[in-house]
Amino acid sequence: MAEYSFYGWESSEIHDENGLTPRDYYDILSEIWCEYTCAPRLREKWSAENKTLGQCSITAFLMQDIFGGKVYGILRPGGNYHCFNEAGGCIFDLTSEQFGDEKLNYADRKEQYRELHFASDEKRKRYEYLRSNLKARMIK
């Protein structure tokens, strides 16, 4: 079994219609996340070694499309929210590795809405790019 370190990997036993779990999607997205899908304010810090940097909201809303549930955010210094998922009784954060050893408080959260996040045309385009590339990988 592959080793994972994203938050909730041990308990994310929900399955999509194809039998895939969040761990499976982490593996697939690890090949898709890139500088373009990273939030523009963080792009100069993005690297293949920290591929989850700046990917949280678009990834969380994509996982909501697949598993349902809700997207929540943790308020970060600077006023931005770090997004993660709760679905099927599981909490998982495919992009938590970007924070290294920092432990986030997943109890201190606020529900996030795609209408607000995707009001930014730039973010919506990154989400659509990620979704399109994921669909292409799933067809193979």
Protein backbone atom coordinates (compact mmCIF):
# COMPACT_ATOMS: atom_id res chain seq x y z
CA MET A 1 0.00 0.00 0.00
CA ALA A 2 1.24 3.45 -0.87
CA GLU A 3 2.15 5.83 1.92
CA TYR A 4 0.02 8.93 2.31
CA SER A 5 0.35 11.93 4.56
CA PHE A 6 -2.64 14.09 3.65
CA TYR A 7 -5.07 14.76 6.49
CA GLY A 8 -7.72 12.06 6.81
CA TRP A 9 -6.07 9.51 4.52
CA GLU A 10 -6.47 6.72 7.10
CA SER A 11 -10.22 7.11 7.48
CA SER A 12 -11.30 8.25 4.02
CA GLU A 13 -12.99 5.01 3.09
CA ILE A 14 -15.75 6.49 0.96
CA HIS A 15 -16.03 5.31 -2.63
CA ASP A 16 -17.27 6.96 -5.79
CA GLU A 17 -19.35 5.21 -8.43
CA ASN A 18 -16.17 3.57 -9.80
CA GLY A 19 -15.03 2.33 -6.40
CA LEU A 20 -12.30 4.97 -6.07
CA THR A 21 -11.41 6.57 -2.73
CA PRO A 22 -9.86 9.96 -1.91
CA ARG A 23 -6.49 8.16 -1.79
CA ASP A 24 -6.98 7.07 -5.40
CA TYR A 25 -7.82 10.63 -6.41
CA TYR A 26 -4.76 11.93 -4.57
CA ASP A 27 -2.63 9.60 -6.70
CA ILE A 28 -4.25 10.81 -9.92
CA LEU A 29 -4.21 14.51 -8.98
CA SER A 30 -0.55 14.25 -7.99
CA GLU A 31 0.15 13.84 -11.69
CA ILE A 32 -2.09 16.78 -12.66
CA TRP A 33 -1.43 19.51 -10.08
CA CYS A 34 0.93 22.02 -11.61
CA GLU A 35 2.04 25.63 -11.49
CA TYR A 36 -0.99 26.63 -13.60
CA THR A 37 -3.48 25.06 -11.17
CA CYS A 38 -1.76 26.77 -8.23
CA ALA A 39 -3.29 29.98 -6.88
CA PRO A 40 -1.52 32.89 -8.62
CA ARG A 41 -0.43 34.49 -5.33
CA LEU A 42 1.54 31.32 -4.52
CA ARG A 43 2.88 30.34 -7.95
CA GLU A 44 6.42 31.53 -7.43
CA LYS A 45 6.65 29.18 -4.41
CA TRP A 46 5.05 26.19 -6.18
CA SER A 47 7.29 23.21 -6.96
CA ALA A 48 6.96 19.53 -7.79
CA GLU A 49 8.16 18.87 -4.23
CA ASN A 50 5.23 20.87 -2.85
CA LYS A 51 2.66 20.08 -5.52
CA THR A 52 -0.37 20.65 -3.26
CA LEU A 53 0.56 24.30 -2.63
CA GLY A 54 -2.24 26.63 -3.72
CA GLN A 55 -4.49 23.81 -4.92
CA CYS A 56 -6.98 23.60 -2.04
CA SER A 57 -10.23 25.21 -3.17
CA ILE A 58 -10.27 23.87 -6.71
CA THR A 59 -9.39 20.40 -5.43
CA ALA A 60 -11.97 20.47 -2.63
CA PHE A 61 -14.78 21.53 -4.96
CA LEU A 62 -13.74 18.87 -7.47
CA MET A 63 -13.89 16.24 -4.71
CA GLN A 64 -17.32 17.58 -3.72
CA ASP A 65 -18.45 16.94 -7.30
CA ILE A 66 -17.32 13.33 -6.94
CA PHE A 67 -18.15 12.41 -3.33
CA GLY A 68 -20.80 14.99 -2.41
CA GLY A 69 -20.71 16.40 1.09
CA LYS A 70 -19.52 19.87 2.00
CA VAL A 71 -16.44 21.98 1.52
CA TYR A 72 -15.14 23.72 4.62
CA GLY A 73 -12.42 26.27 5.13
CA ILE A 74 -9.96 27.11 7.88
CA LEU A 75 -9.17 30.81 8.12
CA ARG A 76 -5.48 31.40 7.53
CA PRO A 77 -3.27 34.37 8.32
CA GLY A 78 -3.87 36.94 5.60
CA GLY A 79 -7.61 36.28 5.44
CA ASN A 80 -7.75 33.39 2.98
CA TYR A 81 -9.44 30.07 3.69
CA HIS A 82 -7.77 26.70 3.31
CA CYS A 83 -10.44 24.34 1.92
CA PHE A 84 -11.03 20.66 2.63
CA ASN A 85 -13.85 18.10 2.38
CA GLU A 86 -16.34 16.34 4.59
CA ALA A 87 -18.28 13.60 2.81
CA GLY A 88 -19.78 10.28 3.78
CA GLY A 89 -18.78 10.78 7.41
CA CYS A 90 -15.12 11.34 6.45
CA ILE A 91 -13.02 14.47 6.69
CA PHE A 92 -10.15 14.60 4.24
CA ASP A 93 -7.82 17.28 2.97
CA LEU A 94 -5.96 16.21 -0.15
CA THR A 95 -3.84 19.38 -0.07
CA SER A 96 -2.83 19.49 3.60
CA GLU A 97 0.77 18.51 2.83
CA GLN A 98 1.47 22.05 1.66
CA PHE A 99 1.69 23.07 5.32
CA GLY A 100 4.46 20.62 6.19
CA ASP A 101 4.49 19.80 9.90
CA GLU A 102 1.93 22.48 10.81
CA LYS A 103 -1.18 20.95 12.37
CA LEU A 104 -4.39 22.58 11.21
CA ASN A 105 -7.46 22.78 13.43
CA TYR A 106 -10.18 21.13 11.33
CA ALA A 107 -12.80 21.79 14.02
CA ASP A 108 -12.46 25.56 13.56
CA ARG A 109 -14.09 25.72 10.15
CA LYS A 110 -16.60 27.59 8.05
CA GLU A 111 -18.59 26.16 5.15
CA GLN A 112 -17.36 27.34 1.76
CA TYR A 113 -19.49 27.91 -1.33
CA ARG A 114 -18.41 27.51 -4.93
CA GLU A 115 -20.46 30.53 -6.01
CA LEU A 116 -18.19 32.75 -3.91
CA HIS A 117 -14.95 31.00 -4.85
CA PHE A 118 -15.79 30.82 -8.54
CA ALA A 119 -16.90 34.45 -8.69
CA SER A 120 -13.23 34.82 -9.57
CA ASP A 121 -12.98 33.94 -13.25
CA GLU A 122 -9.33 33.01 -12.73
CA LYS A 123 -10.16 30.42 -10.05
CA ARG A 124 -13.06 28.98 -12.05
CA LYS A 125 -10.73 28.50 -15.03
CA ARG A 126 -8.15 26.69 -12.87
CA TYR A 127 -10.93 24.44 -11.53
CA GLU A 128 -12.17 23.68 -15.05
CA TYR A 129 -8.63 22.88 -16.17
CA LEU A 130 -8.12 20.51 -13.24
CA ARG A 131 -11.52 18.88 -13.82
CA SER A 132 -10.87 18.46 -17.53
CA ASN A 133 -7.47 16.87 -16.94
CA LEU A 134 -8.93 14.55 -14.31
CA LYS A 135 -11.67 13.43 -16.74
CA ALA A 136 -9.03 12.80 -19.42
CA ARG A 137 -7.02 10.63 -17.00
CA MET A 138 -10.13 8.67 -16.03
CA ILE A 139 -10.87 7.80 -19.66
CA LYS A 140 -7.46 6.19 -20.21
